[in-house]
Amino acid sequence: MVAADVQFGWALQLSLLTPYIQVLPCVRIWSDKCSSKYGRRRPFILAGSLMISVAVTIIGFSADIGYLLGDADEDHKNFKGT
C-alpha cells in the first residue's frame, strides 16, 4: 500500500511539473531584468509563495466553493471522501 502511495505522489509531482517547465524560463528572464530594491529574486519568491498559498487554500475549500457555485448534494452522493 505504501509503494502505491509513493508512486501516486511521484506521478502527481511529475504531472504538476509541466507548467513549471513552461513558466520558469519566462520568470528567469523577468527576474534577471528586475531592478527592485529587494533584489532580483525576492519579489518573485514572494509572489510565487503568495500564489501557492491562495491555491492551496482554494483547494482546501473546493467542496464549499463548488456548493456555492451550484453543486448539489445529488451530484456527488456516491463519493464518500474516505
PDB file of N, CA and C in Angstrom:
ATOM      1  N   MET A   1       0.822  -1.196   0.000  1.00  0.00           N
ATOM      2  CA  MET A   1       0.000   0.000   0.000  1.00  0.00           C
ATOM      3  C   MET A   1       0.858   1.248   0.000  1.00  0.00           C
ATOM      4  N   VAL A   2       1.960   1.229   0.751  1.00  0.00           N
ATOM      5  CA  VAL A   2       2.823   2.396   0.814  1.00  0.00           C
ATOM      6  C   VAL A   2       3.484   2.649  -0.529  1.00  0.00           C
ATOM      7  N   ALA A   3       3.894   1.583  -1.210  1.00  0.00           N
ATOM      8  CA  ALA A   3       4.540   1.734  -2.511  1.00  0.00           C
ATOM      9  C   ALA A   3       3.591   2.388  -3.513  1.00  0.00           C
ATOM     10  N   ALA A   4       2.321   2.035  -3.463  1.00  0.00           N
ATOM     11  CA  ALA A   4       1.348   2.645  -4.366  1.00  0.00           C
ATOM     12  C   ALA A   4       1.186   4.130  -4.059  1.00  0.00           C
ATOM     13  N   ASP A   5       1.213   4.488  -2.787  1.00  0.00           N
ATOM     14  CA  ASP A   5       1.103   5.895  -2.409  1.00  0.00           C
ATOM     15  C   ASP A   5       2.302   6.689  -2.890  1.00  0.00           C
ATOM     16  N   VAL A   6       3.477   6.096  -2.790  1.00  0.00           N
ATOM     17  CA  VAL A   6       4.687   6.776  -3.249  1.00  0.00           C
ATOM     18  C   VAL A   6       4.639   6.955  -4.760  1.00  0.00           C
ATOM     19  N   GLN A   7       4.209   5.934  -5.473  1.00  0.00           N
ATOM     20  CA  GLN A   7       4.105   6.048  -6.925  1.00  0.00           C
ATOM     21  C   GLN A   7       3.076   7.093  -7.315  1.00  0.00           C
ATOM     22  N   PHE A   8       1.968   7.141  -6.598  1.00  0.00           N
ATOM     23  CA  PHE A   8       0.962   8.155  -6.875  1.00  0.00           C
ATOM     24  C   PHE A   8       1.526   9.554  -6.626  1.00  0.00           C
ATOM     25  N   GLY A   9       2.295   9.702  -5.558  1.00  0.00           N
ATOM     26  CA  GLY A   9       2.908  11.001  -5.257  1.00  0.00           C
ATOM     27  C   GLY A   9       3.868  11.439  -6.344  1.00  0.00           C
ATOM     28  N   TRP A  10       4.688  10.526  -6.835  1.00  0.00           N
ATOM     29  CA  TRP A  10       5.618  10.869  -7.915  1.00  0.00           C
ATOM     30  C   TRP A  10       4.858  11.219  -9.186  1.00  0.00           C
ATOM     31  N   ALA A  11       3.814  10.483  -9.505  1.00  0.00           N
ATOM     32  CA  ALA A  11       3.030  10.783 -10.704  1.00  0.00           C
ATOM     33  C   ALA A  11       2.386  12.154 -10.589  1.00  0.00           C
ATOM     34  N   LEU A  12       1.897  12.482  -9.419  1.00  0.00           N
ATOM     35  CA  LEU A  12       1.294  13.784  -9.210  1.00  0.00           C
ATOM     36  C   LEU A  12       2.318  14.898  -9.351  1.00  0.00           C
ATOM     37  N   GLN A  13       3.497  14.707  -8.793  1.00  0.00           N
ATOM     38  CA  GLN A  13       4.543  15.714  -8.914  1.00  0.00           C
ATOM     39  C   GLN A  13       4.953  15.908 -10.366  1.00  0.00           C
ATOM     40  N   LEU A  14       5.109  14.812 -11.093  1.00  0.00           N
ATOM     41  CA  LEU A  14       5.515  14.942 -12.488  1.00  0.00           C
ATOM     42  C   LEU A  14       4.426  15.587 -13.325  1.00  0.00           C
ATOM     43  N   SER A  15       3.171  15.307 -13.019  1.00  0.00           N
ATOM     44  CA  SER A  15       2.096  15.935 -13.775  1.00  0.00           C
ATOM     45  C   SER A  15       1.995  17.416 -13.460  1.00  0.00           C
ATOM     46  N   LEU A  16       2.350  17.793 -12.260  1.00  0.00           N
ATOM     47  CA  LEU A  16       2.321  19.206 -11.892  1.00  0.00           C
ATOM     48  C   LEU A  16       3.599  19.935 -12.302  1.00  0.00           C
ATOM     49  N   LEU A  17       4.598  19.204 -12.733  1.00  0.00           N
ATOM     50  CA  LEU A  17       5.866  19.799 -13.110  1.00  0.00           C
ATOM     51  C   LEU A  17       5.807  20.466 -14.479  1.00  0.00           C
ATOM     52  N   THR A  18       4.907  20.048 -15.333  1.00  0.00           N
ATOM     53  CA  THR A  18       4.841  20.569 -16.691  1.00  0.00           C
ATOM     54  C   THR A  18       4.668  22.087 -16.743  1.00  0.00           C
ATOM     55  N   PRO A  19       3.778  22.702 -15.947  1.00  0.00           N
ATOM     56  CA  PRO A  19       3.692  24.162 -16.001  1.00  0.00           C
ATOM     57  C   PRO A  19       4.996  24.850 -15.595  1.00  0.00           C
ATOM     58  N   TYR A  20       5.741  24.249 -14.672  1.00  0.00           N
ATOM     59  CA  TYR A  20       6.997  24.856 -14.259  1.00  0.00           C
ATOM     60  C   TYR A  20       8.000  24.864 -15.395  1.00  0.00           C
ATOM     61  N   ILE A  21       8.002  23.808 -16.187  1.00  0.00           N
ATOM     62  CA  ILE A  21       8.920  23.739 -17.320  1.00  0.00           C
ATOM     63  C   ILE A  21       8.594  24.825 -18.329  1.00  0.00           C
ATOM     64  N   GLN A  22       7.331  25.171 -18.454  1.00  0.00           N
ATOM     65  CA  GLN A  22       6.914  26.189 -19.409  1.00  0.00           C
ATOM     66  C   GLN A  22       7.041  27.600 -18.846  1.00  0.00           C
ATOM     67  N   VAL A  23       6.864  27.777 -17.548  1.00  0.00           N
ATOM     68  CA  VAL A  23       6.828  29.114 -16.949  1.00  0.00           C
ATOM     69  C   VAL A  23       8.200  29.575 -16.467  1.00  0.00           C
ATOM     70  N   LEU A  24       9.021  28.659 -15.993  1.00  0.00           N
ATOM     71  CA  LEU A  24      10.302  29.042 -15.401  1.00  0.00           C
ATOM     72  C   LEU A  24      11.215  29.838 -16.321  1.00  0.00           C
ATOM     73  N   PRO A  25      11.330  29.523 -17.605  1.00  0.00           N
ATOM     74  CA  PRO A  25      12.184  30.364 -18.440  1.00  0.00           C
ATOM     75  C   PRO A  25      11.731  31.823 -18.497  1.00  0.00           C
ATOM     76  N   CYS A  26      10.423  32.039 -18.534  1.00  0.00           N
ATOM     77  CA  CYS A  26       9.912  33.422 -18.537  1.00  0.00           C
ATOM     78  C   CYS A  26      10.230  34.122 -17.222  1.00  0.00           C
ATOM     79  N   VAL A  27      10.033  33.428 -16.110  1.00  0.00           N
ATOM     80  CA  VAL A  27      10.301  34.020 -14.800  1.00  0.00           C
ATOM     81  C   VAL A  27      11.791  34.323 -14.660  1.00  0.00           C
ATOM     82  N   ARG A  28      12.640  33.462 -15.178  1.00  0.00           N
ATOM     83  CA  ARG A  28      14.081  33.722 -15.123  1.00  0.00           C
ATOM     84  C   ARG A  28      14.445  34.985 -15.886  1.00  0.00           C
ATOM     85  N   ILE A  29      13.865  35.153 -17.065  1.00  0.00           N
ATOM     86  CA  ILE A  29      14.151  36.355 -17.859  1.00  0.00           C
ATOM     87  C   ILE A  29      13.663  37.596 -17.132  1.00  0.00           C
ATOM     88  N   TRP A  30      12.440  37.535 -16.592  1.00  0.00           N
ATOM     89  CA  TRP A  30      11.901  38.697 -15.882  1.00  0.00           C
ATOM     90  C   TRP A  30      12.717  39.017 -14.634  1.00  0.00           C
ATOM     91  N   SER A  31      13.119  37.986 -13.911  1.00  0.00           N
ATOM     92  CA  SER A  31      13.877  38.241 -12.682  1.00  0.00           C
ATOM     93  C   SER A  31      15.279  38.761 -12.991  1.00  0.00           C
ATOM     94  N   ASP A  32      15.871  38.339 -14.100  1.00  0.00           N
ATOM     95  CA  ASP A  32      17.181  38.866 -14.471  1.00  0.00           C
ATOM     96  C   ASP A  32      17.112  40.343 -14.830  1.00  0.00           C
ATOM     97  N   LYS A  33      15.972  40.781 -15.348  1.00  0.00           N
ATOM     98  CA  LYS A  33      15.803  42.182 -15.723  1.00  0.00           C
ATOM     99  C   LYS A  33      15.245  43.031 -14.582  1.00  0.00           C
ATOM    100  N   CYS A  34      14.878  42.394 -13.487  1.00  0.00           N
ATOM    101  CA  CYS A  34      14.272  43.110 -12.356  1.00  0.00           C
ATOM    102  C   CYS A  34      15.336  43.921 -11.609  1.00  0.00           C
ATOM    103  N   SER A  35      14.990  45.146 -11.271  1.00  0.00           N
ATOM    104  CA  SER A  35      15.922  46.001 -10.518  1.00  0.00           C
ATOM    105  C   SER A  35      15.228  46.544  -9.272  1.00  0.00           C
ATOM    106  N   SER A  36      14.603  45.664  -8.517  1.00  0.00           N
ATOM    107  CA  SER A  36      13.899  46.049  -7.298  1.00  0.00           C
ATOM    108  C   SER A  36      14.893  46.334  -6.180  1.00  0.00           C
ATOM    109  N   LYS A  37      14.462  47.156  -5.236  1.00  0.00           N
ATOM    110  CA  LYS A  37      15.345  47.428  -4.098  1.00  0.00           C
ATOM    111  C   LYS A  37      15.475  46.214  -3.178  1.00  0.00           C
ATOM    112  N   TYR A  38      14.592  45.211  -3.354  1.00  0.00           N
ATOM    113  CA  TYR A  38      14.644  43.989  -2.552  1.00  0.00           C
ATOM    114  C   TYR A  38      15.497  42.906  -3.205  1.00  0.00           C
ATOM    115  N   GLY A  39      16.030  43.178  -4.372  1.00  0.00           N
ATOM    116  CA  GLY A  39      16.841  42.207  -5.072  1.00  0.00           C
ATOM    117  C   GLY A  39      16.147  41.700  -6.324  1.00  0.00           C
ATOM    118  N   ARG A  40      16.825  40.837  -7.036  1.00  0.00           N
ATOM    119  CA  ARG A  40      16.261  40.324  -8.285  1.00  0.00           C
ATOM    120  C   ARG A  40      15.308  39.169  -8.069  1.00  0.00           C
ATOM    121  N   ARG A  41      15.543  38.330  -7.080  1.00  0.00           N
ATOM    122  CA  ARG A  41      14.758  37.108  -6.914  1.00  0.00           C
ATOM    123  C   ARG A  41      13.658  37.220  -5.852  1.00  0.00           C
ATOM    124  N   ARG A  42      13.875  38.016  -4.834  1.00  0.00           N
ATOM    125  CA  ARG A  42      12.930  38.050  -3.702  1.00  0.00           C
ATOM    126  C   ARG A  42      11.506  38.436  -4.086  1.00  0.00           C
ATOM    127  N   PRO A  43      11.276  39.432  -4.961  1.00  0.00           N
ATOM    128  CA  PRO A  43       9.876  39.728  -5.330  1.00  0.00           C
ATOM    129  C   PRO A  43       9.179  38.541  -5.994  1.00  0.00           C
ATOM    130  N   PHE A  44       9.922  37.780  -6.776  1.00  0.00           N
ATOM    131  CA  PHE A  44       9.327  36.629  -7.453  1.00  0.00           C
ATOM    132  C   PHE A  44       9.078  35.487  -6.473  1.00  0.00           C
ATOM    133  N   ILE A  45       9.961  35.313  -5.513  1.00  0.00           N
ATOM    134  CA  ILE A  45       9.747  34.299  -4.479  1.00  0.00           C
ATOM    135  C   ILE A  45       8.523  34.656  -3.650  1.00  0.00           C
ATOM    136  N   LEU A  46       8.371  35.920  -3.292  1.00  0.00           N
ATOM    137  CA  LEU A  46       7.213  36.359  -2.515  1.00  0.00           C
ATOM    138  C   LEU A  46       5.915  36.180  -3.305  1.00  0.00           C
ATOM    139  N   ALA A  47       5.919  36.613  -4.558  1.00  0.00           N
ATOM    140  CA  ALA A  47       4.711  36.482  -5.384  1.00  0.00           C
ATOM    141  C   ALA A  47       4.348  35.009  -5.587  1.00  0.00           C
ATOM    142  N   GLY A  48       5.341  34.174  -5.840  1.00  0.00           N
ATOM    143  CA  GLY A  48       5.072  32.749  -6.027  1.00  0.00           C
ATOM    144  C   GLY A  48       4.538  32.091  -4.775  1.00  0.00           C
ATOM    145  N   SER A  49       5.106  32.439  -3.622  1.00  0.00           N
ATOM    146  CA  SER A  49       4.627  31.832  -2.377  1.00  0.00           C
ATOM    147  C   SER A  49       3.214  32.302  -2.041  1.00  0.00           C
ATOM    148  N   LEU A  50       2.887  33.548  -2.352  1.00  0.00           N
ATOM    149  CA  LEU A  50       1.516  34.022  -2.126  1.00  0.00           C
ATOM    150  C   LEU A  50       0.527  33.316  -3.043  1.00  0.00           C
ATOM    151  N   MET A  51       0.915  33.127  -4.297  1.00  0.00           N
ATOM    152  CA  MET A  51       0.019  32.426  -5.226  1.00  0.00           C
ATOM    153  C   MET A  51      -0.183  30.972  -4.813  1.00  0.00           C
ATOM    154  N   ILE A  52       0.868  30.314  -4.336  1.00  0.00           N
ATOM    155  CA  ILE A  52       0.736  28.928  -3.877  1.00  0.00           C
ATOM    156  C   ILE A  52      -0.151  28.867  -2.636  1.00  0.00           C
ATOM    157  N   SER A  53      -0.015  29.842  -1.733  1.00  0.00           N
ATOM    158  CA  SER A  53      -0.859  29.865  -0.534  1.00  0.00           C
ATOM    159  C   SER A  53      -2.331  30.015  -0.897  1.00  0.00           C
ATOM    160  N   VAL A  54      -2.622  30.890  -1.845  1.00  0.00           N
ATOM    161  CA  VAL A  54      -4.003  31.083  -2.285  1.00  0.00           C
ATOM    162  C   VAL A  54      -4.526  29.811  -2.954  1.00  0.00           C
ATOM    163  N   ALA A  55      -3.699  29.176  -3.784  1.00  0.00           N
ATOM    164  CA  ALA A  55      -4.129  27.962  -4.479  1.00  0.00           C
ATOM    165  C   ALA A  55      -4.408  26.829  -3.495  1.00  0.00           C
ATOM    166  N   VAL A  56      -3.558  26.665  -2.494  1.00  0.00           N
ATOM    167  CA  VAL A  56      -3.768  25.598  -1.504  1.00  0.00           C
ATOM    168  C   VAL A  56      -5.030  25.871  -0.689  1.00  0.00           C
ATOM    169  N   THR A  57      -5.277  27.134  -0.372  1.00  0.00           N
ATOM    170  CA  THR A  57      -6.498  27.493   0.358  1.00  0.00           C
ATOM    171  C   THR A  57      -7.735  27.200  -0.484  1.00  0.00           C
ATOM    172  N   ILE A  58      -7.682  27.531  -1.765  1.00  0.00           N
ATOM    173  CA  ILE A  58      -8.813  27.247  -2.653  1.00  0.00           C
ATOM    174  C   ILE A  58      -9.045  25.744  -2.765  1.00  0.00           C
ATOM    175  N   ILE A  59      -7.969  24.971  -2.867  1.00  0.00           N
ATOM    176  CA  ILE A  59      -8.113  23.515  -2.935  1.00  0.00           C
ATOM    177  C   ILE A  59      -8.758  22.987  -1.652  1.00  0.00           C
ATOM    178  N   GLY A  60      -8.372  23.540  -0.520  1.00  0.00           N
ATOM    179  CA  GLY A  60      -8.938  23.098   0.748  1.00  0.00           C
ATOM    180  C   GLY A  60     -10.427  23.371   0.871  1.00  0.00           C
ATOM    181  N   PHE A  61     -10.871  24.462   0.268  1.00  0.00           N
ATOM    182  CA  PHE A  61     -12.283  24.838   0.341  1.00  0.00           C
ATOM    183  C   PHE A  61     -13.022  24.537  -0.965  1.00  0.00           C
ATOM    184  N   SER A  62     -12.494  23.630  -1.778  1.00  0.00           N
ATOM    185  CA  SER A  62     -13.087  23.379  -3.090  1.00  0.00           C
ATOM    186  C   SER A  62     -14.507  22.827  -2.997  1.00  0.00           C
ATOM    187  N   ALA A  63     -14.787  21.992  -2.013  1.00  0.00           N
ATOM    188  CA  ALA A  63     -16.148  21.462  -1.871  1.00  0.00           C
ATOM    189  C   ALA A  63     -17.124  22.579  -1.522  1.00  0.00           C
ATOM    190  N   ASP A  64     -16.713  23.476  -0.628  1.00  0.00           N
ATOM    191  CA  ASP A  64     -17.577  24.600  -0.271  1.00  0.00           C
ATOM    192  C   ASP A  64     -17.766  25.558  -1.442  1.00  0.00           C
ATOM    193  N   ILE A  65     -16.703  25.798  -2.182  1.00  0.00           N
ATOM    194  CA  ILE A  65     -16.793  26.677  -3.349  1.00  0.00           C
ATOM    195  C   ILE A  65     -17.703  26.048  -4.401  1.00  0.00           C
ATOM    196  N   GLY A  66     -17.577  24.742  -4.606  1.00  0.00           N
ATOM    197  CA  GLY A  66     -18.468  24.053  -5.544  1.00  0.00           C
ATOM    198  C   GLY A  66     -19.921  24.150  -5.119  1.00  0.00           C
ATOM    199  N   TYR A  67     -20.173  24.014  -3.821  1.00  0.00           N
ATOM    200  CA  TYR A  67     -21.543  24.130  -3.329  1.00  0.00           C
ATOM    201  C   TYR A  67     -22.079  25.548  -3.553  1.00  0.00           C
ATOM    202  N   LEU A  68     -21.243  26.560  -3.306  1.00  0.00           N
ATOM    203  CA  LEU A  68     -21.669  27.942  -3.527  1.00  0.00           C
ATOM    204  C   LEU A  68     -21.915  28.249  -5.000  1.00  0.00           C
ATOM    205  N   LEU A  69     -21.208  27.550  -5.882  1.00  0.00           N
ATOM    206  CA  LEU A  69     -21.383  27.775  -7.317  1.00  0.00           C
ATOM    207  C   LEU A  69     -22.497  26.933  -7.920  1.00  0.00           C
ATOM    208  N   GLY A  70     -23.230  26.191  -7.090  1.00  0.00           N
ATOM    209  CA  GLY A  70     -24.401  25.482  -7.575  1.00  0.00           C
ATOM    210  C   GLY A  70     -24.304  23.981  -7.575  1.00  0.00           C
ATOM    211  N   ASP A  71     -23.247  23.417  -7.042  1.00  0.00           N
ATOM    212  CA  ASP A  71     -23.133  21.967  -6.971  1.00  0.00           C
ATOM    213  C   ASP A  71     -24.124  21.450  -5.938  1.00  0.00           C
ATOM    214  N   ALA A  72     -24.942  20.512  -6.338  1.00  0.00           N
ATOM    215  CA  ALA A  72     -25.962  19.980  -5.437  1.00  0.00           C
ATOM    216  C   ALA A  72     -25.464  18.694  -4.790  1.00  0.00           C
ATOM    217  N   ASP A  73     -26.069  18.333  -3.686  1.00  0.00           N
ATOM    218  CA  ASP A  73     -25.696  17.110  -2.986  1.00  0.00           C
ATOM    219  C   ASP A  73     -25.965  15.876  -3.846  1.00  0.00           C
ATOM    220  N   GLU A  74     -26.969  15.932  -4.721  1.00  0.00           N
ATOM    221  CA  GLU A  74     -27.287  14.785  -5.553  1.00  0.00           C
ATOM    222  C   GLU A  74     -26.180  14.483  -6.555  1.00  0.00           C
ATOM    223  N   ASP A  75     -25.378  15.485  -6.902  1.00  0.00           N
ATOM    224  CA  ASP A  75     -24.341  15.300  -7.915  1.00  0.00           C
ATOM    225  C   ASP A  75     -23.191  14.449  -7.412  1.00  0.00           C
ATOM    226  N   HIS A  76     -22.989  14.383  -6.118  1.00  0.00           N
ATOM    227  CA  HIS A  76     -21.845  13.626  -5.592  1.00  0.00           C
ATOM    228  C   HIS A  76     -22.247  12.718  -4.439  1.00  0.00           C
ATOM    229  N   LYS A  77     -23.420  12.117  -4.536  1.00  0.00           N
ATOM    230  CA  LYS A  77     -23.889  11.284  -3.442  1.00  0.00           C
ATOM    231  C   LYS A  77     -23.138   9.955  -3.341  1.00  0.00           C
ATOM    232  N   ASN A  78     -22.484   9.508  -4.410  1.00  0.00           N
ATOM    233  CA  ASN A  78     -21.764   8.235  -4.372  1.00  0.00           C
ATOM    234  C   ASN A  78     -20.379   8.375  -3.769  1.00  0.00           C
ATOM    235  N   PHE A  79     -19.821   9.557  -3.719  1.00  0.00           N
ATOM    236  CA  PHE A  79     -18.487   9.763  -3.212  1.00  0.00           C
ATOM    237  C   PHE A  79     -18.515   9.923  -1.700  1.00  0.00           C
ATOM    238  N   LYS A  80     -17.691   9.151  -1.011  1.00  0.00           N
ATOM    239  CA  LYS A  80     -17.679   9.189   0.445  1.00  0.00           C
ATOM    240  C   LYS A  80     -16.486   9.964   1.002  1.00  0.00           C
ATOM    241  N   GLY A  81     -15.481  10.238   0.199  1.00  0.00           N
ATOM    242  CA  GLY A  81     -14.347  11.050   0.659  1.00  0.00           C
ATOM    243  C   GLY A  81     -13.244  10.249   1.330  1.00  0.00           C
ATOM    244  N   THR A  82     -13.570   9.171   1.988  1.00  0.00           N
ATOM    245  CA  THR A  82     -12.537   8.358   2.642  1.00  0.00           C
ATOM    246  C   THR A  82     -12.764   6.900   2.365  1.00  0.00           C
TER     247      THR A  82
END
